[in-house]
Amino acid sequence: MNSNTMSETRNVTPGSSNHSEEHMTDPMTTPTTAGVAHATTANASATHPHPLHKVLSFVRRSGRLDDRLQRAWDNYADTYLLDITTGNLLDVREGVTLNRNFVAQHWGNDNPLIVEIGTGQGENVVAAAAAHPETNFLALEVYDPGVAHTLLLAGKQGLPNIRVAQVNAPELFKVTEPGTVAEVWTFFPDPWPKKKHHKRRIVQVGMSDDIHRALVENGLWRIATDIEDYALHVHEVMDHLDGWTNLGGVTVSLPVEHVGKGNADMAADMPHADFKESERFEGRVLTNFEKKGLAAGRAIHDFTYQAVPVSR
């Protein structure tokens, strides 16, 4: 077992950290927060250089956890929180690789691994871990309250098959070895509704390439959104990519032009086309977030993409 590919868990108390869904365009001017489980090194900027305008799907801002979530962090971080990141942008620390050896060290077995990108409050991934003890789960979340709440839910049940990483997901998939992951889940990602911010959306061609490499053959990327324009975005990115098969069997009609935050009400009058999507994934619990979307009258769009060999 190569120790250079491993990381240890640490009990790290978050500092002053809260977050919004605005975008950070210039990491050089971003306020520093301490609410991450990572080891900061003196030469982090040298080993992890970043372009001046690195595109991220999140921004980290100052704030505090309430007492309940702080206690959860204090009590459960040592058990569940992986120490794999460096710096305020939550990049993966040098020497860390997500592979089957990493899984064996941190989960203690060789069971299939499911990775959820954007865990939120942890309701879904913790419920899945409780229902499927034969499967390992890795919850990726950047915001301190979401991380703490996921720790709380997992810790209260004493679940042995889940770990949490406060990490920039695209950076983690860049250092994931082929065939490490059985499924990737991305449920209700930040829609970045302004048209100029659509490039911030987590579903992108580059991300799909890295996830494809990380998945086992015929592994799945499950995606769900309650934003119609994001559904169109997913189809545009994924449906014609070599190496991916859309397993959807449900026909839906979507506008074929994109709308932004200011003109979303025009979508109904735009030209539409039919697309294939999936039935609701039974393995996804009905979270409070999804309930709010349904209550607001939004349709839920489910996608199942299967990783198949790339044509040569």
Protein backbone atom coordinates (compact mmCIF):
# COMPACT_ATOMS: atom_id res chain seq x y z
CA MET A 1 0.00 0.00 0.00
CA ASN A 2 1.53 3.28 -1.10
CA SER A 3 1.41 5.74 1.79
CA ASN A 4 1.80 8.65 -0.62
CA THR A 5 -1.73 8.03 -1.86
CA MET A 6 -3.28 8.12 1.59
CA SER A 7 -4.48 10.81 3.94
CA GLU A 8 -5.47 10.69 7.57
CA THR A 9 -8.63 11.95 9.25
CA ARG A 10 -8.28 14.78 11.73
CA ASN A 11 -10.58 16.49 14.17
CA VAL A 12 -10.37 20.08 12.96
CA THR A 13 -12.60 22.70 14.49
CA PRO A 14 -14.01 25.10 11.92
CA GLY A 15 -13.26 28.71 12.36
CA SER A 16 -15.37 31.62 11.26
CA SER A 17 -16.94 30.33 8.07
CA ASN A 18 -20.26 30.64 6.32
CA HIS A 19 -21.03 30.66 2.65
CA SER A 20 -23.19 32.07 -0.08
CA GLU A 21 -23.90 30.89 -3.60
CA GLU A 22 -22.20 33.83 -5.25
CA HIS A 23 -19.18 33.19 -7.45
CA MET A 24 -15.60 33.90 -6.56
CA THR A 25 -13.83 35.14 -9.68
CA ASP A 26 -10.53 36.21 -8.18
CA PRO A 27 -9.10 33.81 -5.59
CA MET A 28 -6.31 36.24 -4.84
CA THR A 29 -8.80 38.61 -3.20
CA THR A 30 -11.03 36.04 -1.48
CA PRO A 31 -11.34 36.38 2.32
CA THR A 32 -9.45 33.59 4.07
CA THR A 33 -11.52 31.22 6.23
CA ALA A 34 -10.31 28.50 8.57
CA GLY A 35 -13.37 26.24 8.51
CA VAL A 36 -11.82 23.42 6.50
CA ALA A 37 -10.30 20.10 7.42
CA HIS A 38 -6.90 20.51 5.81
CA ALA A 39 -3.22 20.89 6.51
CA THR A 40 -2.00 24.26 5.21
CA THR A 41 1.61 24.28 4.14
CA ALA A 42 3.92 27.24 3.73
CA ASN A 43 4.48 26.49 0.06
CA ALA A 44 0.86 25.71 -0.84
CA SER A 45 0.73 28.45 -3.43
CA ALA A 46 3.85 27.08 -5.07
CA THR A 47 2.64 23.48 -5.22
CA HIS A 48 -0.91 24.39 -6.20
CA PRO A 49 -0.73 27.43 -8.48
CA HIS A 50 -4.04 28.86 -9.60
CA PRO A 51 -4.92 31.04 -12.55
CA LEU A 52 -5.93 34.52 -11.54
CA HIS A 53 -9.51 33.88 -12.66
CA LYS A 54 -10.01 30.22 -11.85
CA VAL A 55 -13.62 29.21 -12.48
CA LEU A 56 -15.28 27.80 -9.36
CA SER A 57 -18.82 26.73 -8.62
CA PHE A 58 -18.74 28.10 -5.06
CA VAL A 59 -17.47 30.93 -2.89
CA ARG A 60 -16.51 30.79 0.76
CA ARG A 61 -17.36 33.67 3.09
CA SER A 62 -16.92 34.40 6.77
CA GLY A 63 -19.47 33.37 9.39
CA ARG A 64 -19.91 30.95 12.29
CA LEU A 65 -21.50 27.58 12.94
CA ASP A 66 -24.24 27.53 15.53
CA ASP A 67 -23.58 25.64 18.78
CA ARG A 68 -25.30 22.44 17.64
CA LEU A 69 -23.31 22.19 14.42
CA GLN A 70 -20.08 23.15 16.18
CA ARG A 71 -20.61 20.28 18.62
CA ALA A 72 -21.26 17.92 15.70
CA TRP A 73 -17.99 19.00 14.09
CA ASP A 74 -16.10 18.57 17.36
CA ASN A 75 -17.63 15.16 18.07
CA TYR A 76 -17.56 13.51 14.66
CA ALA A 77 -14.93 15.12 12.43
CA ASP A 78 -12.23 12.79 13.68
CA THR A 79 -14.33 9.79 12.60
CA TYR A 80 -15.75 10.94 9.28
CA LEU A 81 -13.93 13.97 7.88
CA LEU A 82 -11.06 13.27 5.51
CA ASP A 83 -8.02 15.54 5.67
CA ILE A 84 -7.12 15.86 1.99
CA THR A 85 -7.20 19.56 1.10
CA THR A 86 -5.03 22.64 1.19
CA GLY A 87 -5.85 26.32 0.89
CA ASN A 88 -9.03 28.34 0.85
CA LEU A 89 -9.99 27.04 -2.60
CA LEU A 90 -10.18 23.52 -1.14
CA ASP A 91 -7.80 22.00 -3.66
CA VAL A 92 -6.51 18.49 -3.07
CA ARG A 93 -3.27 18.37 -1.13
CA GLU A 94 -0.21 17.19 -3.02
CA GLY A 95 0.35 13.44 -2.73
CA VAL A 96 -3.32 12.54 -2.26
CA THR A 97 -4.86 10.15 -4.78
CA LEU A 98 -8.34 8.67 -4.62
CA ASN A 99 -7.88 5.02 -5.52
CA ARG A 100 -8.80 1.57 -4.21
CA ASN A 101 -5.93 1.68 -1.70
CA PHE A 102 -7.34 4.94 -0.36
CA VAL A 103 -10.75 3.29 -0.01
CA ALA A 104 -9.27 0.30 1.80
CA GLN A 105 -7.47 2.56 4.28
CA HIS A 106 -10.37 4.86 5.11
CA TRP A 107 -13.30 2.50 4.84
CA GLY A 108 -11.51 -0.68 5.81
CA ASN A 109 -12.90 -2.74 2.95
CA ASP A 110 -13.03 -3.06 -0.83
CA ASN A 111 -16.75 -2.36 -1.27
CA PRO A 112 -18.01 -0.27 -4.20
CA LEU A 113 -17.72 3.49 -3.72
CA ILE A 114 -20.45 6.02 -4.49
CA VAL A 115 -19.47 9.70 -4.50
CA GLU A 116 -22.05 12.44 -4.03
CA ILE A 117 -21.03 15.89 -5.29
CA GLY A 118 -22.74 18.63 -3.32
CA THR A 119 -24.13 16.84 -0.29
CA GLY A 120 -25.98 19.86 1.07
CA GLN A 121 -27.36 18.97 4.49
CA GLY A 122 -26.43 15.33 4.02
CA GLU A 123 -29.98 13.97 4.10
CA ASN A 124 -29.66 11.91 0.94
CA VAL A 125 -26.18 10.46 1.27
CA VAL A 126 -26.63 9.53 4.94
CA ALA A 127 -29.96 7.82 4.21
CA ALA A 128 -28.32 5.91 1.36
CA ALA A 129 -25.42 4.85 3.58
CA ALA A 130 -27.84 3.61 6.24
CA ALA A 131 -29.85 1.67 3.67
CA HIS A 132 -26.81 0.14 1.93
CA PRO A 133 -24.16 -1.00 4.43
CA GLU A 134 -22.56 -3.06 1.66
CA THR A 135 -21.58 0.14 -0.19
CA ASN A 136 -19.12 2.89 0.70
CA PHE A 137 -20.18 6.52 0.36
CA LEU A 138 -18.11 9.68 0.02
CA ALA A 139 -19.93 12.98 0.57
CA LEU A 140 -18.34 16.05 -1.05
CA GLU A 141 -19.45 19.43 0.27
CA VAL A 142 -17.71 22.82 0.39
CA TYR A 143 -19.88 24.71 2.89
CA ASP A 144 -19.21 24.36 6.63
CA PRO A 145 -22.87 24.08 7.74
CA GLY A 146 -23.53 21.32 5.21
CA VAL A 147 -20.40 19.43 6.24
CA ALA A 148 -21.30 19.75 9.93
CA HIS A 149 -24.89 18.64 9.40
CA THR A 150 -23.74 15.62 7.41
CA LEU A 151 -21.35 14.74 10.24
CA LEU A 152 -24.21 15.08 12.70
CA LEU A 153 -26.55 12.79 10.77
CA ALA A 154 -23.88 10.14 10.20
CA GLY A 155 -22.58 10.32 13.75
CA LYS A 156 -25.99 9.97 15.39
CA GLN A 157 -26.44 6.66 13.57
CA GLY A 158 -22.85 5.55 13.97
CA LEU A 159 -22.58 4.71 10.28
CA PRO A 160 -19.28 3.01 9.40
CA ASN A 161 -19.56 3.25 5.59
CA ILE A 162 -19.57 7.00 4.98
CA ARG A 163 -16.82 9.61 4.86
CA VAL A 164 -17.01 13.36 4.19
CA ALA A 165 -14.56 15.57 2.32
CA GLN A 166 -14.67 19.36 2.24
CA VAL A 167 -13.09 19.67 -1.17
CA ASN A 168 -13.49 21.25 -4.58
CA ALA A 169 -14.98 18.26 -6.40
CA PRO A 170 -13.41 18.85 -9.86
CA GLU A 171 -9.97 18.90 -8.25
CA LEU A 172 -10.62 15.58 -6.48
CA PHE A 173 -11.72 13.87 -9.69
CA LYS A 174 -8.54 15.04 -11.37
CA VAL A 175 -6.57 12.87 -8.92
CA THR A 176 -8.91 9.88 -8.94
CA GLU A 177 -7.54 6.72 -10.52
CA PRO A 178 -9.51 4.90 -13.24
CA GLY A 179 -12.11 2.44 -12.06
CA THR A 180 -12.23 3.69 -8.46
CA VAL A 181 -15.87 4.84 -8.32
CA ALA A 182 -19.06 2.85 -8.99
CA GLU A 183 -21.45 5.83 -9.23
CA VAL A 184 -21.36 9.62 -8.99
CA TRP A 185 -24.42 11.52 -7.77
CA THR A 186 -25.01 15.23 -8.44
CA PHE A 187 -28.43 16.17 -7.14
CA PHE A 188 -29.74 19.73 -7.41
CA PRO A 189 -26.43 21.51 -8.06
CA ASP A 190 -26.22 25.28 -7.90
CA PRO A 191 -28.00 26.37 -11.12
CA TRP A 192 -26.06 29.61 -11.54
CA PRO A 193 -29.11 31.20 -13.18
CA LYS A 194 -27.42 34.24 -14.71
CA LYS A 195 -26.40 33.46 -18.28
CA LYS A 196 -22.92 34.90 -17.78
CA HIS A 197 -22.44 32.39 -14.94
CA HIS A 198 -23.50 29.25 -16.80
CA LYS A 199 -19.82 28.33 -17.15
CA ARG A 200 -19.76 27.96 -13.35
CA ARG A 201 -22.15 25.00 -13.49
CA ILE A 202 -20.61 21.78 -12.21
CA VAL A 203 -21.72 19.74 -15.25
CA GLN A 204 -19.11 20.58 -17.89
CA VAL A 205 -17.25 18.63 -20.57
CA GLY A 206 -13.99 18.65 -18.60
CA MET A 207 -15.73 17.40 -15.48
CA SER A 208 -17.46 14.66 -17.46
CA ASP A 209 -14.08 13.49 -18.79
CA ASP A 210 -12.65 13.20 -15.29
CA ILE A 211 -15.73 11.44 -13.94
CA HIS A 212 -15.72 9.04 -16.89
CA ARG A 213 -12.13 8.10 -16.10
CA ALA A 214 -12.89 7.65 -12.39
CA LEU A 215 -15.89 5.36 -12.95
CA VAL A 216 -15.79 1.63 -13.38
CA GLU A 217 -16.87 0.45 -16.83
CA ASN A 218 -20.65 0.88 -17.08
CA GLY A 219 -20.58 3.04 -13.96
CA LEU A 220 -23.24 5.71 -13.61
CA TRP A 221 -23.43 9.46 -13.24
CA ARG A 222 -26.84 10.34 -11.80
CA ILE A 223 -27.92 13.98 -12.01
CA ALA A 224 -31.08 15.74 -10.90
CA THR A 225 -32.24 19.35 -11.13
CA ASP A 226 -35.46 21.28 -10.66
CA ILE A 227 -34.30 24.06 -13.00
CA GLU A 228 -35.47 23.67 -16.60
CA ASP A 229 -32.58 25.65 -18.06
CA TYR A 230 -30.08 23.50 -16.17
CA ALA A 231 -31.76 20.42 -17.65
CA LEU A 232 -31.14 21.83 -21.12
CA HIS A 233 -27.54 22.51 -20.12
CA VAL A 234 -27.07 18.88 -19.02
CA HIS A 235 -28.42 17.58 -22.33
CA GLU A 236 -26.19 19.91 -24.32
CA VAL A 237 -23.09 18.85 -22.40
CA MET A 238 -23.74 15.13 -22.03
CA ASP A 239 -25.99 13.69 -24.71
CA HIS A 240 -23.49 13.62 -27.56
CA LEU A 241 -20.27 12.96 -25.65
CA ASP A 242 -18.29 9.93 -26.71
CA GLY A 243 -18.11 7.45 -23.84
CA TRP A 244 -21.50 8.27 -22.33
CA THR A 245 -24.89 6.65 -22.93
CA ASN A 246 -28.09 8.39 -21.85
CA LEU A 247 -30.17 5.62 -20.23
CA GLY A 248 -33.27 7.77 -20.02
CA GLY A 249 -36.57 6.39 -21.23
CA VAL A 250 -38.86 9.32 -20.45
CA THR A 251 -39.54 11.94 -23.13
CA VAL A 252 -39.60 15.54 -21.94
CA SER A 253 -40.04 18.78 -23.85
CA LEU A 254 -37.60 21.60 -23.19
CA PRO A 255 -36.95 25.01 -24.74
CA VAL A 256 -33.97 24.88 -27.06
CA GLU A 257 -32.72 28.35 -26.12
CA HIS A 258 -31.15 29.29 -22.81
CA VAL A 259 -32.66 31.79 -20.44
CA GLY A 260 -31.09 33.66 -17.58
CA LYS A 261 -32.31 35.00 -14.29
CA GLY A 262 -33.87 38.03 -15.93
CA ASN A 263 -35.79 36.37 -18.77
CA ALA A 264 -36.75 32.92 -17.43
CA ASP A 265 -40.43 33.77 -17.91
CA MET A 266 -39.87 33.77 -21.69
CA ALA A 267 -39.00 30.05 -21.80
CA ALA A 268 -42.56 28.85 -22.33
CA ASP A 269 -42.85 30.80 -25.60
CA MET A 270 -39.55 29.58 -27.03
CA PRO A 271 -39.22 26.71 -29.53
CA HIS A 272 -39.14 23.33 -27.79
CA ALA A 273 -37.64 19.92 -28.57
CA ASP A 274 -37.93 16.46 -27.06
CA PHE A 275 -35.19 14.95 -24.89
CA LYS A 276 -34.73 11.67 -23.04
CA GLU A 277 -34.56 11.69 -19.27
CA SER A 278 -34.94 9.10 -16.50
CA GLU A 279 -37.63 8.16 -14.04
CA ARG A 280 -37.04 9.53 -10.56
CA PHE A 281 -34.12 7.71 -8.96
CA GLU A 282 -35.60 5.57 -6.19
CA GLY A 283 -32.36 5.77 -4.24
CA ARG A 284 -32.76 9.52 -3.73
CA VAL A 285 -34.73 10.44 -0.63
CA LEU A 286 -37.18 13.32 -0.82
CA THR A 287 -35.16 16.05 0.85
CA ASN A 288 -36.46 19.36 2.13
CA PHE A 289 -34.78 21.06 -0.81
CA GLU A 290 -36.62 18.90 -3.34
CA LYS A 291 -39.90 19.38 -1.48
CA LYS A 292 -39.52 23.15 -1.80
CA GLY A 293 -38.95 22.84 -5.55
CA LEU A 294 -42.07 20.71 -5.96
CA ALA A 295 -44.10 23.08 -3.80
CA ALA A 296 -43.00 25.93 -6.09
CA GLY A 297 -44.37 24.01 -9.09
CA ARG A 298 -41.02 23.09 -10.61
CA ALA A 299 -40.60 19.80 -12.45
CA ILE A 300 -37.79 17.49 -11.36
CA HIS A 301 -35.46 16.35 -14.14
CA ASP A 302 -33.55 13.10 -13.53
CA PHE A 303 -30.66 11.89 -15.68
CA THR A 304 -28.75 8.62 -15.77
CA TYR A 305 -25.60 8.53 -17.86
CA GLN A 306 -23.60 5.33 -18.19
CA ALA A 307 -19.84 5.35 -18.75
CA VAL A 308 -19.04 3.13 -21.74
CA PRO A 309 -15.74 2.62 -23.58
CA VAL A 310 -14.68 5.60 -25.66
CA SER A 311 -14.76 5.00 -29.41
CA ARG A 312 -11.42 4.85 -31.15
